[in-house]
């Protein structure tokens, strides 16, 4: 007789901040894929290789460095025209 399958761990509930981050990440991935060269522009802004930027944000890599997510959001807001260019202090 076989015993019923018991999950090894219960599904983790996400808080509203995590849900908002996941929603932003989906929108950001769509934005990057919409136009050729955006991953390269992002990599230049982050001062990293394009391959890393692509892995972190377009690929299914789950561990995105926090600093990269923050700077990517700043770049995203500027690219969409939601933040005036004077905000960077120049």
N, C-alpha and C. Protein backbone atom coordinates (compact mmCIF):
# COMPACT_ATOMS: atom_id res chain seq x y z
N UNK A 1 0.83 -1.18 0.00
CA UNK A 1 0.00 0.00 0.00
C UNK A 1 0.87 1.24 0.00
N UNK A 2 0.58 2.17 -0.90
CA UNK A 2 1.39 3.38 -0.95
C UNK A 2 0.73 4.50 -0.17
N UNK A 3 1.57 5.29 0.44
CA UNK A 3 1.06 6.41 1.23
C UNK A 3 0.82 7.61 0.31
N UNK A 4 -0.09 8.51 0.66
CA UNK A 4 -0.34 9.67 -0.18
C UNK A 4 0.90 10.58 -0.21
N UNK A 5 1.06 11.23 -1.33
CA UNK A 5 2.22 12.12 -1.48
C UNK A 5 2.09 13.32 -0.54
N UNK A 6 3.14 13.54 0.22
CA UNK A 6 3.18 14.66 1.15
C UNK A 6 4.21 15.65 0.62
N UNK A 7 3.81 16.90 0.41
CA UNK A 7 4.78 17.87 -0.09
C UNK A 7 5.88 18.11 0.95
N UNK A 8 7.11 18.24 0.46
CA UNK A 8 8.23 18.46 1.36
C UNK A 8 8.21 19.85 1.95
N UNK A 9 7.67 20.80 1.23
CA UNK A 9 7.56 22.15 1.76
C UNK A 9 6.26 22.76 1.28
N UNK A 10 5.71 23.61 2.09
CA UNK A 10 4.47 24.28 1.73
C UNK A 10 4.79 25.46 0.81
N UNK A 11 3.87 25.80 -0.09
CA UNK A 11 4.13 26.95 -0.94
C UNK A 11 4.23 28.22 -0.09
N UNK A 12 5.20 29.04 -0.44
CA UNK A 12 5.43 30.27 0.32
C UNK A 12 4.50 31.36 -0.18
N UNK A 13 3.89 32.06 0.75
CA UNK A 13 3.03 33.18 0.39
C UNK A 13 3.88 34.41 0.18
N UNK A 14 3.55 35.18 -0.83
CA UNK A 14 4.32 36.39 -1.10
C UNK A 14 3.62 37.59 -0.52
N UNK A 15 4.42 38.52 -0.06
CA UNK A 15 3.83 39.74 0.49
C UNK A 15 3.59 40.73 -0.66
N UNK A 16 2.88 41.81 -0.41
CA UNK A 16 2.55 42.77 -1.48
C UNK A 16 3.78 43.37 -2.17
N UNK A 17 4.85 43.59 -1.43
CA UNK A 17 6.07 44.14 -2.05
C UNK A 17 6.67 43.16 -3.04
N UNK A 18 6.70 41.89 -2.69
CA UNK A 18 7.22 40.87 -3.61
C UNK A 18 6.34 40.76 -4.85
N UNK A 19 5.04 40.84 -4.66
CA UNK A 19 4.12 40.78 -5.79
C UNK A 19 4.33 41.97 -6.72
N UNK A 20 4.52 43.17 -6.13
CA UNK A 20 4.75 44.37 -6.94
C UNK A 20 6.07 44.26 -7.69
N UNK A 21 7.10 43.69 -7.04
CA UNK A 21 8.39 43.50 -7.70
C UNK A 21 8.26 42.52 -8.87
N UNK A 22 7.54 41.43 -8.66
CA UNK A 22 7.34 40.45 -9.73
C UNK A 22 6.58 41.06 -10.91
N UNK A 23 5.61 41.90 -10.61
CA UNK A 23 4.86 42.58 -11.67
C UNK A 23 5.77 43.53 -12.43
N UNK A 24 6.61 44.29 -11.71
CA UNK A 24 7.56 45.19 -12.36
C UNK A 24 8.52 44.41 -13.24
N UNK A 25 8.99 43.27 -12.75
CA UNK A 25 9.95 42.47 -13.50
C UNK A 25 9.35 41.96 -14.82
N UNK A 26 8.10 41.56 -14.79
CA UNK A 26 7.43 41.12 -16.02
C UNK A 26 7.34 42.28 -17.01
N UNK A 27 6.92 43.47 -16.53
CA UNK A 27 6.83 44.64 -17.40
C UNK A 27 8.21 45.03 -17.94
N UNK A 28 9.22 44.96 -17.09
CA UNK A 28 10.59 45.33 -17.49
C UNK A 28 11.12 44.38 -18.55
N UNK A 29 10.86 43.09 -18.40
CA UNK A 29 11.30 42.12 -19.40
C UNK A 29 10.65 42.40 -20.75
N UNK A 30 9.36 42.72 -20.74
CA UNK A 30 8.68 43.06 -21.99
C UNK A 30 9.31 44.30 -22.62
N UNK A 31 9.63 45.29 -21.80
CA UNK A 31 10.25 46.52 -22.28
C UNK A 31 11.60 46.23 -22.93
N UNK A 32 12.41 45.38 -22.30
CA UNK A 32 13.73 45.06 -22.85
C UNK A 32 13.63 44.30 -24.17
N UNK A 33 12.66 43.43 -24.28
CA UNK A 33 12.52 42.62 -25.49
C UNK A 33 11.85 43.38 -26.63
N UNK A 34 11.19 44.49 -26.33
CA UNK A 34 10.41 45.20 -27.34
C UNK A 34 11.28 45.87 -28.41
N UNK A 35 12.48 46.26 -28.07
CA UNK A 35 13.33 46.97 -29.02
C UNK A 35 14.74 46.42 -28.95
N UNK A 36 15.30 46.18 -30.10
CA UNK A 36 16.67 45.66 -30.20
C UNK A 36 17.66 46.66 -29.60
N UNK A 37 18.60 46.15 -28.82
CA UNK A 37 19.66 46.98 -28.27
C UNK A 37 19.41 47.48 -26.86
N UNK A 38 18.24 47.24 -26.32
CA UNK A 38 17.96 47.74 -24.97
C UNK A 38 18.79 47.03 -23.91
N UNK A 39 19.05 45.75 -24.09
CA UNK A 39 19.91 45.05 -23.11
C UNK A 39 21.31 45.65 -23.11
N UNK A 40 21.79 46.05 -24.28
CA UNK A 40 23.11 46.68 -24.36
C UNK A 40 23.11 48.04 -23.69
N UNK A 41 22.03 48.82 -23.89
CA UNK A 41 21.92 50.12 -23.23
C UNK A 41 21.88 49.95 -21.72
N UNK A 42 21.12 48.96 -21.25
CA UNK A 42 21.04 48.69 -19.82
C UNK A 42 22.39 48.29 -19.26
N UNK A 43 23.10 47.43 -19.97
CA UNK A 43 24.42 46.99 -19.52
C UNK A 43 25.38 48.17 -19.42
N UNK A 44 25.31 49.06 -20.37
CA UNK A 44 26.16 50.25 -20.34
C UNK A 44 25.83 51.10 -19.13
N UNK A 45 24.55 51.26 -18.83
CA UNK A 45 24.12 52.04 -17.67
C UNK A 45 24.57 51.38 -16.37
N UNK A 46 24.52 50.03 -16.32
CA UNK A 46 24.91 49.30 -15.11
C UNK A 46 26.42 49.09 -15.00
N UNK A 47 27.16 49.43 -16.07
CA UNK A 47 28.61 49.20 -16.11
C UNK A 47 28.93 47.72 -15.93
N UNK A 48 28.23 46.89 -16.68
CA UNK A 48 28.48 45.45 -16.64
C UNK A 48 28.41 44.92 -18.07
N UNK A 49 28.72 43.65 -18.24
CA UNK A 49 28.64 43.05 -19.57
C UNK A 49 27.18 42.86 -19.96
N UNK A 50 26.92 42.95 -21.28
CA UNK A 50 25.57 42.76 -21.77
C UNK A 50 25.03 41.38 -21.43
N UNK A 51 25.93 40.40 -21.43
CA UNK A 51 25.52 39.04 -21.10
C UNK A 51 24.96 38.96 -19.69
N UNK A 52 25.59 39.66 -18.75
CA UNK A 52 25.09 39.65 -17.37
C UNK A 52 23.73 40.34 -17.28
N UNK A 53 23.60 41.49 -17.91
CA UNK A 53 22.32 42.20 -17.88
C UNK A 53 21.21 41.33 -18.48
N UNK A 54 21.52 40.67 -19.57
CA UNK A 54 20.53 39.81 -20.21
C UNK A 54 20.17 38.63 -19.30
N UNK A 55 21.16 38.02 -18.70
CA UNK A 55 20.90 36.89 -17.79
C UNK A 55 20.02 37.31 -16.62
N UNK A 56 20.36 38.45 -16.03
CA UNK A 56 19.63 38.89 -14.84
C UNK A 56 18.19 39.26 -15.13
N UNK A 57 17.95 39.95 -16.23
CA UNK A 57 16.63 40.53 -16.43
C UNK A 57 15.79 39.87 -17.52
N UNK A 58 16.40 39.32 -18.54
CA UNK A 58 15.62 38.71 -19.62
C UNK A 58 15.55 37.20 -19.43
N UNK A 59 16.66 36.60 -19.03
CA UNK A 59 16.68 35.16 -18.78
C UNK A 59 15.90 34.83 -17.53
N UNK A 60 15.84 33.58 -17.24
CA UNK A 60 15.07 33.15 -16.07
C UNK A 60 15.96 33.00 -14.84
N UNK A 61 17.00 33.79 -14.78
CA UNK A 61 17.90 33.79 -13.62
C UNK A 61 17.14 34.37 -12.44
N UNK A 62 17.08 33.66 -11.35
CA UNK A 62 16.26 34.12 -10.23
C UNK A 62 16.97 35.07 -9.29
N UNK A 63 18.28 35.00 -9.22
CA UNK A 63 19.01 35.84 -8.27
C UNK A 63 19.54 37.09 -8.98
N UNK A 64 18.74 38.14 -8.93
CA UNK A 64 19.16 39.42 -9.50
C UNK A 64 19.77 40.24 -8.38
N UNK A 65 20.99 40.75 -8.56
CA UNK A 65 21.58 41.58 -7.50
C UNK A 65 20.68 42.79 -7.21
N UNK A 66 20.54 43.12 -5.94
CA UNK A 66 19.65 44.22 -5.54
C UNK A 66 20.10 45.53 -6.16
N UNK A 67 21.39 45.80 -6.17
CA UNK A 67 21.87 47.06 -6.74
C UNK A 67 21.50 47.15 -8.22
N UNK A 68 21.56 46.03 -8.93
CA UNK A 68 21.25 46.02 -10.35
C UNK A 68 19.75 46.29 -10.57
N UNK A 69 18.91 45.74 -9.72
CA UNK A 69 17.47 45.96 -9.86
C UNK A 69 17.12 47.43 -9.61
N UNK A 70 17.76 48.04 -8.62
CA UNK A 70 17.49 49.45 -8.31
C UNK A 70 17.93 50.34 -9.47
N UNK A 71 19.17 50.14 -9.95
CA UNK A 71 19.67 50.95 -11.05
C UNK A 71 18.89 50.69 -12.34
N UNK A 72 18.48 49.45 -12.55
CA UNK A 72 17.68 49.13 -13.73
C UNK A 72 16.34 49.85 -13.68
N UNK A 73 15.77 49.96 -12.51
CA UNK A 73 14.50 50.67 -12.38
C UNK A 73 14.68 52.16 -12.68
N UNK A 74 15.79 52.75 -12.24
CA UNK A 74 16.07 54.15 -12.54
C UNK A 74 16.20 54.32 -14.05
N UNK A 75 16.97 53.43 -14.70
CA UNK A 75 17.16 53.49 -16.15
C UNK A 75 15.82 53.32 -16.87
N UNK A 76 15.01 52.40 -16.41
CA UNK A 76 13.70 52.12 -17.00
C UNK A 76 12.79 53.35 -16.92
N UNK A 77 12.77 53.99 -15.75
CA UNK A 77 11.94 55.18 -15.58
C UNK A 77 12.40 56.31 -16.50
N UNK A 78 13.72 56.48 -16.63
CA UNK A 78 14.25 57.51 -17.52
C UNK A 78 13.93 57.19 -18.98
N UNK A 79 14.08 55.93 -19.35
CA UNK A 79 13.84 55.53 -20.74
C UNK A 79 12.38 55.71 -21.13
N UNK A 80 11.49 55.52 -20.19
CA UNK A 80 10.06 55.70 -20.46
C UNK A 80 9.65 57.16 -20.34
N UNK A 81 10.57 58.02 -19.89
CA UNK A 81 10.26 59.44 -19.77
C UNK A 81 9.48 59.79 -18.52
N UNK A 82 9.53 58.93 -17.51
CA UNK A 82 8.78 59.18 -16.29
C UNK A 82 9.57 59.97 -15.26
N UNK A 83 10.89 60.08 -15.46
CA UNK A 83 11.74 60.84 -14.55
C UNK A 83 12.45 61.90 -15.36
N UNK A 84 12.37 63.16 -14.95
CA UNK A 84 13.08 64.19 -15.70
C UNK A 84 14.59 63.98 -15.65
N UNK A 85 15.27 64.35 -16.70
CA UNK A 85 16.73 64.13 -16.77
C UNK A 85 17.47 64.94 -15.72
N UNK A 86 16.87 65.99 -15.17
CA UNK A 86 17.52 66.78 -14.15
C UNK A 86 17.62 66.03 -12.82
N UNK A 87 16.93 64.93 -12.69
CA UNK A 87 16.92 64.18 -11.44
C UNK A 87 18.29 63.58 -11.13
N UNK A 88 19.12 63.36 -12.15
CA UNK A 88 20.42 62.74 -11.90
C UNK A 88 21.48 63.76 -11.49
N UNK A 89 21.12 65.03 -11.36
CA UNK A 89 22.04 66.03 -10.84
C UNK A 89 22.92 66.67 -11.88
N UNK A 90 22.68 66.41 -13.16
CA UNK A 90 23.52 67.00 -14.21
C UNK A 90 22.92 68.27 -14.74
